[in-house]
N, C-alpha and C. Protein backbone atom coordinates (compact mmCIF):
# COMPACT_ATOMS: atom_id res chain seq x y z
N MET A 1 -14.23 6.21 -13.52
CA MET A 1 -14.09 5.66 -12.17
C MET A 1 -15.20 3.74 -12.04
N ALA A 2 -16.58 5.02 -11.95
CA ALA A 2 -17.27 3.80 -11.89
C ALA A 2 -17.00 2.55 -13.29
N GLU A 3 -16.57 3.00 -14.23
CA GLU A 3 -16.00 1.96 -15.63
C GLU A 3 -15.45 1.20 -14.83
N LEU A 4 -14.29 1.66 -13.91
CA LEU A 4 -12.43 0.94 -13.71
C LEU A 4 -13.62 -0.21 -12.63
N GLU A 5 -14.62 0.35 -12.25
CA GLU A 5 -15.04 -0.60 -10.69
C GLU A 5 -15.36 -1.65 -11.42
N ARG A 6 -16.31 -1.25 -12.36
CA ARG A 6 -17.27 -2.27 -13.21
C ARG A 6 -16.87 -3.43 -13.94
N LEU A 7 -15.45 -3.16 -14.44
CA LEU A 7 -14.69 -4.19 -14.94
C LEU A 7 -14.10 -5.12 -13.54
N SER A 8 -13.79 -4.07 -12.91
CA SER A 8 -13.16 -4.90 -11.76
C SER A 8 -13.64 -6.34 -11.22
N ARG A 9 -14.89 -5.32 -10.37
CA ARG A 9 -16.39 -6.67 -10.74
C ARG A 9 -16.82 -8.02 -11.71
N ALA A 10 -16.26 -7.41 -13.18
CA ALA A 10 -16.69 -8.42 -14.16
C ALA A 10 -15.20 -9.27 -13.66
N GLY A 11 -14.84 -9.10 -13.20
CA GLY A 11 -13.07 -9.55 -14.02
C GLY A 11 -11.92 -9.27 -14.82
N GLN A 12 -12.05 -8.41 -15.56
CA GLN A 12 -11.67 -8.37 -16.20
C GLN A 12 -10.64 -8.09 -15.98
N LEU A 13 -10.30 -6.72 -14.71
CA LEU A 13 -9.07 -5.78 -14.00
C LEU A 13 -8.79 -6.25 -12.62
N THR A 14 -7.96 -6.15 -12.55
CA THR A 14 -7.76 -6.28 -10.26
C THR A 14 -7.55 -4.84 -10.32
N LEU A 15 -8.19 -3.93 -9.49
CA LEU A 15 -8.54 -2.25 -9.46
C LEU A 15 -7.59 -2.09 -8.11
N ARG A 16 -6.56 -1.58 -7.86
CA ARG A 16 -6.07 -1.15 -6.38
C ARG A 16 -6.73 0.31 -6.68
N TYR A 17 -6.68 0.52 -5.31
CA TYR A 17 -5.84 2.06 -4.58
C TYR A 17 -5.50 2.64 -3.92
N GLY A 18 -4.07 3.73 -4.34
CA GLY A 18 -2.96 3.56 -3.80
C GLY A 18 -3.32 4.89 -2.56
N ASP A 19 -2.59 4.87 -1.79
CA ASP A 19 -2.19 6.07 -1.04
C ASP A 19 -0.74 5.57 -0.26
N GLU A 20 -0.55 6.42 0.75
CA GLU A 20 0.71 6.85 1.44
C GLU A 20 0.49 7.71 2.55
N SER A 21 1.32 8.07 3.37
CA SER A 21 1.43 8.11 4.75
C SER A 21 3.36 8.23 5.44
N HIS A 22 2.58 8.41 6.12
CA HIS A 22 4.09 8.73 7.66
C HIS A 22 3.11 8.54 9.12
N VAL A 23 5.01 8.24 9.95
CA VAL A 23 4.93 8.17 11.27
C VAL A 23 5.97 8.51 11.15
N CYS A 24 5.79 9.64 12.59
CA CYS A 24 6.97 10.37 13.33
C CYS A 24 7.42 10.65 14.40
N SER A 25 8.64 9.67 15.17
CA SER A 25 9.13 10.54 16.36
C SER A 25 8.19 11.76 17.18
N GLU A 26 8.12 12.64 16.16
CA GLU A 26 8.18 14.33 16.50
C GLU A 26 6.77 14.15 16.78
N GLY A 27 6.25 14.72 17.93
CA GLY A 27 5.23 14.99 18.25
C GLY A 27 4.54 16.05 17.70
N HIS A 28 3.00 16.21 17.92
CA HIS A 28 2.16 16.93 17.06
C HIS A 28 1.49 17.29 17.77
N VAL A 29 1.19 18.74 18.25
CA VAL A 29 0.02 19.03 19.62
C VAL A 29 -0.18 20.74 17.86
N PRO A 30 -1.68 20.34 17.88
CA PRO A 30 -1.81 21.28 17.41
C PRO A 30 -3.08 22.87 18.58
N TYR A 31 -3.09 22.29 19.06
CA TYR A 31 -3.79 22.70 20.15
C TYR A 31 -3.41 22.50 21.40
N GLY A 32 -3.85 23.57 22.70
CA GLY A 32 -4.47 22.56 23.70
C GLY A 32 -4.68 23.64 24.82
N TRP A 33 -5.25 23.48 25.89
CA TRP A 33 -5.58 24.00 26.81
C TRP A 33 -4.50 23.92 27.78
N GLN A 34 -5.14 25.43 28.52
CA GLN A 34 -4.45 25.92 29.64
C GLN A 34 -4.90 26.97 30.56
N PHE A 35 -4.43 26.55 31.89
CA PHE A 35 -5.10 27.77 33.08
C PHE A 35 -4.92 29.16 32.11
N PRO A 36 -4.99 30.32 32.69
CA PRO A 36 -4.47 31.86 32.57
C PRO A 36 -2.75 31.80 33.11
N GLY A 37 -2.02 32.46 32.41
CA GLY A 37 -0.75 32.43 33.39
C GLY A 37 0.01 30.74 33.69
N GLU A 38 -0.14 30.41 32.87
CA GLU A 38 0.10 28.94 33.22
C GLU A 38 0.88 28.45 31.81
N GLY A 39 2.25 28.49 31.78
CA GLY A 39 3.01 27.87 30.54
C GLY A 39 2.98 26.64 30.67
N VAL A 40 2.55 25.98 29.00
CA VAL A 40 2.39 24.68 28.53
C VAL A 40 3.68 24.75 27.07
N PHE A 41 4.47 23.76 27.33
CA PHE A 41 4.61 23.55 26.52
C PHE A 41 5.30 22.27 26.35
N MET A 42 5.86 21.70 25.24
CA MET A 42 6.18 20.14 24.89
C MET A 42 7.98 20.03 23.93
N ALA A 43 8.31 18.95 25.21
CA ALA A 43 9.45 19.13 24.38
C ALA A 43 9.64 18.07 23.32
N ALA A 44 10.69 19.11 22.41
CA ALA A 44 10.34 18.45 20.97
C ALA A 44 11.48 18.38 20.27
N GLN A 45 11.81 16.91 19.38
CA GLN A 45 13.49 16.79 18.87
C GLN A 45 12.97 16.42 17.30
N LYS A 46 14.07 16.94 16.30
CA LYS A 46 14.15 15.96 15.39
C LYS A 46 13.93 14.86 15.39
N GLY A 47 13.07 13.85 14.60
CA GLY A 47 12.64 12.26 15.37
C GLY A 47 12.97 11.58 13.80
N PHE A 48 12.45 9.94 14.43
CA PHE A 48 12.96 8.90 13.17
C PHE A 48 11.26 9.68 12.58
N ARG A 49 11.10 9.30 11.25
CA ARG A 49 10.30 9.67 9.84
C ARG A 49 10.60 8.20 9.02
N LEU A 50 9.33 7.40 9.29
CA LEU A 50 8.47 6.38 8.33
C LEU A 50 7.52 7.18 7.19
N ASN A 51 8.02 6.78 5.59
CA ASN A 51 7.07 7.19 4.77
C ASN A 51 6.45 5.28 4.45
N CYS A 52 5.14 5.89 3.96
CA CYS A 52 4.73 4.72 4.24
C CYS A 52 3.52 4.95 2.94
N TRP A 53 3.70 3.35 1.52
CA TRP A 53 2.45 3.54 0.75
C TRP A 53 1.72 1.95 0.32
N GLY A 54 1.54 2.17 -0.42
CA GLY A 54 0.39 0.88 -0.59
C GLY A 54 -0.53 1.20 -1.25
N LEU A 55 -0.27 -0.07 -2.22
CA LEU A 55 -2.12 -0.46 -3.01
C LEU A 55 -3.27 -1.10 -1.94
N PHE A 56 -4.14 -0.63 -1.98
CA PHE A 56 -5.27 -1.18 -1.38
C PHE A 56 -6.24 -1.84 -1.97
N GLY A 57 -6.87 -3.24 -2.09
CA GLY A 57 -8.05 -3.40 -3.04
C GLY A 57 -9.73 -3.42 -2.50
N ARG A 58 -10.52 -4.51 -2.73
CA ARG A 58 -11.64 -4.82 -1.50
C ARG A 58 -11.66 -5.55 -1.52
N ASP A 59 -11.06 -6.62 -2.41
CA ASP A 59 -10.84 -7.93 -1.49
C ASP A 59 -10.14 -7.94 -0.53
N ASN A 60 -9.63 -6.86 0.71
CA ASN A 60 -8.77 -6.38 1.42
C ASN A 60 -7.23 -7.40 1.02
N GLN A 61 -7.17 -7.12 0.10
CA GLN A 61 -5.43 -6.97 -0.72
C GLN A 61 -4.80 -6.05 -0.24
N CYS A 62 -3.50 -6.80 0.21
CA CYS A 62 -2.39 -5.24 0.01
C CYS A 62 -1.15 -5.59 0.01
N ARG A 63 -0.39 -4.47 -1.24
CA ARG A 63 0.78 -4.69 -1.14
C ARG A 63 1.12 -2.82 -0.32
N ARG A 64 2.70 -3.30 -0.26
CA ARG A 64 3.09 -1.91 0.34
C ARG A 64 4.21 -1.91 0.80
N ALA A 65 5.31 -0.62 0.62
CA ALA A 65 6.42 -0.34 0.54
C ALA A 65 6.79 0.44 2.26
N THR A 66 7.72 0.36 2.67
CA THR A 66 8.03 1.88 3.39
C THR A 66 9.84 2.06 3.03
N SER A 67 9.79 3.48 4.05
CA SER A 67 11.31 4.24 3.32
C SER A 67 11.73 5.01 3.88
N THR A 68 12.65 5.93 5.01
CA THR A 68 13.52 6.70 5.31
C THR A 68 13.13 7.86 5.10
N THR A 69 13.03 7.56 3.05
CA THR A 69 13.49 8.87 2.47
C THR A 69 11.78 9.69 1.76
N SER A 70 11.83 10.16 0.95
CA SER A 70 10.43 11.03 0.62
C SER A 70 9.70 10.01 -0.29
N ILE A 71 8.12 9.84 -0.13
CA ILE A 71 7.56 9.05 -1.82
C ILE A 71 7.50 10.07 -2.83
N THR A 72 8.55 9.66 -3.87
CA THR A 72 8.39 10.46 -5.09
C THR A 72 7.84 9.41 -6.19
N ALA A 73 7.57 9.96 -7.35
CA ALA A 73 6.95 9.52 -8.02
C ALA A 73 8.22 7.88 -8.43
N ALA A 74 9.46 8.78 -9.08
CA ALA A 74 10.11 7.57 -8.49
C ALA A 74 10.15 6.31 -7.75
N PHE A 75 9.77 6.55 -6.81
CA PHE A 75 9.49 5.49 -5.85
C PHE A 75 8.16 4.36 -5.68
N VAL A 76 7.31 5.34 -6.61
CA VAL A 76 5.80 4.64 -7.12
C VAL A 76 6.39 3.43 -7.85
N VAL A 77 7.07 4.18 -8.79
CA VAL A 77 7.63 3.98 -10.54
C VAL A 77 7.92 2.42 -9.82
N GLU A 78 9.14 2.20 -9.36
CA GLU A 78 10.05 1.45 -8.70
C GLU A 78 9.28 0.21 -8.17
N GLU A 79 8.27 0.87 -7.18
CA GLU A 79 7.68 0.00 -7.13
C GLU A 79 6.27 -1.15 -7.47
N LEU A 80 5.98 -0.40 -8.73
CA LEU A 80 4.71 -0.53 -9.72
C LEU A 80 5.55 -1.99 -9.91
N GLU A 81 7.00 -1.15 -10.79
CA GLU A 81 8.08 -2.17 -11.51
C GLU A 81 8.71 -3.33 -10.79
N ARG A 82 8.96 -3.29 -9.51
CA ARG A 82 8.97 -4.66 -8.85
C ARG A 82 7.55 -5.45 -8.77
N LEU A 83 6.59 -4.88 -8.47
CA LEU A 83 4.94 -5.60 -8.31
C LEU A 83 5.72 -6.27 -9.84
N SER A 84 5.09 -5.83 -10.83
CA SER A 84 4.89 -6.60 -12.19
C SER A 84 5.56 -7.46 -12.01
N LEU A 85 7.00 -7.89 -11.70
CA LEU A 85 8.34 -8.71 -11.47
C LEU A 85 7.39 -10.14 -10.99
N GLN A 86 6.37 -9.46 -9.74
CA GLN A 86 6.28 -10.68 -9.18
C GLN A 86 5.21 -11.15 -9.59
N LEU A 87 4.38 -10.86 -10.48
CA LEU A 87 3.53 -11.28 -11.34
C LEU A 87 4.15 -12.51 -12.08
N PRO A 88 2.59 -13.91 -12.02
CA PRO A 88 3.00 -15.22 -13.63
C PRO A 88 3.20 -14.33 -15.07
N ARG A 89 4.23 -14.98 -15.57
CA ARG A 89 4.47 -14.54 -16.67
C ARG A 89 2.85 -14.06 -17.62
N ALA A 90 2.06 -15.21 -17.40
CA ALA A 90 0.88 -15.35 -18.52
C ALA A 90 0.03 -13.93 -18.35
N ASP A 91 -0.21 -13.30 -16.90
CA ASP A 91 -0.47 -12.23 -16.89
C ASP A 91 0.07 -11.08 -17.45
N ARG A 92 1.77 -10.95 -16.96
CA ARG A 92 2.36 -9.87 -17.77
C ARG A 92 2.01 -9.72 -18.89
N ARG A 93 2.21 -10.99 -19.81
CA ARG A 93 2.09 -11.01 -20.97
C ARG A 93 0.62 -10.35 -21.46
N GLY A 94 -0.28 -11.16 -20.80
CA GLY A 94 -1.20 -10.52 -20.99
C GLY A 94 -2.11 -9.36 -20.27
N ALA A 95 -1.23 -8.62 -19.68
CA ALA A 95 -1.91 -7.42 -19.99
C ALA A 95 -1.03 -6.08 -20.94
N ARG A 96 0.06 -6.73 -21.21
CA ARG A 96 0.57 -6.01 -22.51
C ARG A 96 -0.30 -5.83 -24.22
N GLN A 97 -1.40 -6.97 -23.73
CA GLN A 97 -2.34 -6.56 -24.79
C GLN A 97 -3.79 -6.53 -24.82
N ARG A 98 -4.09 -6.04 -23.76
CA ARG A 98 -5.01 -5.83 -23.20
C ARG A 98 -5.44 -3.70 -23.86
N GLN A 99 -7.01 -3.89 -24.02
CA GLN A 99 -6.78 -2.78 -24.81
C GLN A 99 -7.27 -1.73 -23.19
N HIS A 100 -7.39 -0.43 -23.09
CA HIS A 100 -7.26 0.21 -22.23
C HIS A 100 -9.29 1.10 -22.52
N PRO A 101 -10.04 0.89 -21.73
CA PRO A 101 -10.97 0.84 -22.81
C PRO A 101 -11.27 2.35 -22.37
N TYR A 102 -10.53 3.28 -21.86
CA TYR A 102 -10.48 5.16 -22.85
C TYR A 102 -10.13 5.27 -24.06
N GLY A 103 -9.64 4.39 -25.11
CA GLY A 103 -9.02 4.85 -26.09
C GLY A 103 -7.74 3.95 -26.44
N ARG A 104 -6.93 4.01 -27.36
CA ARG A 104 -6.38 3.89 -28.36
C ARG A 104 -4.57 3.38 -27.32
N HIS A 105 -4.53 3.48 -25.63
CA HIS A 105 -3.55 3.68 -24.59
C HIS A 105 -3.28 2.10 -24.27
N ARG A 106 -2.28 1.33 -24.64
CA ARG A 106 -2.13 -0.38 -23.70
C ARG A 106 -2.29 0.45 -22.01
N ALA A 107 -3.01 -0.99 -21.80
CA ALA A 107 -2.78 -1.07 -20.22
C ALA A 107 -2.31 -1.61 -19.97
N ALA A 108 -0.77 -1.67 -19.68
CA ALA A 108 0.12 -2.43 -19.52
C ALA A 108 -0.16 -2.37 -17.96
N THR A 109 -0.05 -1.03 -16.73
CA THR A 109 -0.42 -1.38 -14.89
C THR A 109 -1.35 -1.52 -14.97
N ALA A 110 -2.73 -1.28 -15.97
CA ALA A 110 -4.34 -2.66 -15.46
C ALA A 110 -4.23 -3.45 -14.96
N GLY A 111 -3.90 -4.28 -15.52
CA GLY A 111 -3.84 -5.81 -15.16
C GLY A 111 -2.40 -5.81 -14.51
N ARG A 112 -1.39 -5.25 -14.80
CA ARG A 112 -0.08 -5.43 -13.40
C ARG A 112 -0.56 -5.66 -11.80
N MET A 113 -1.53 -4.97 -11.73
CA MET A 113 -1.13 -5.14 -9.48
C MET A 113 -1.93 -6.39 -9.43
N GLY A 114 -1.41 -7.16 -9.18
CA GLY A 114 -2.10 -8.13 -8.63
C GLY A 114 -1.53 -8.77 -7.06
N SER A 115 -2.37 -9.57 -6.82
CA SER A 115 -2.62 -9.37 -5.12
C SER A 115 -1.64 -10.49 -4.29
N THR A 116 -2.11 -9.91 -3.05
CA THR A 116 -1.13 -10.85 -2.08
C THR A 116 -1.94 -11.87 -1.54
């Protein structure tokens, strides 16, 4: 990771960190307080759930996507492909030619994660 951070600071690649989360209209109460003998409840019903996925950079840039279905590997790959198509053509061509710093693998995705 330190090597990737160094390459990013040197301007040799655009480094992004991925994360996913969700928001839901279904209440969540892990614990509560009550007096002895007092009945406590929270009415709940299945509600709306929105899954959120994003790529974040130290430069405060963010790429995000939302879905009402699960965030799967296929979802992430699709979003990365969509991102790669938004980059200028010269950047896409350059990304295919870069060598991965840890071996012979092509770093096709390392240079494709542009910022907005």
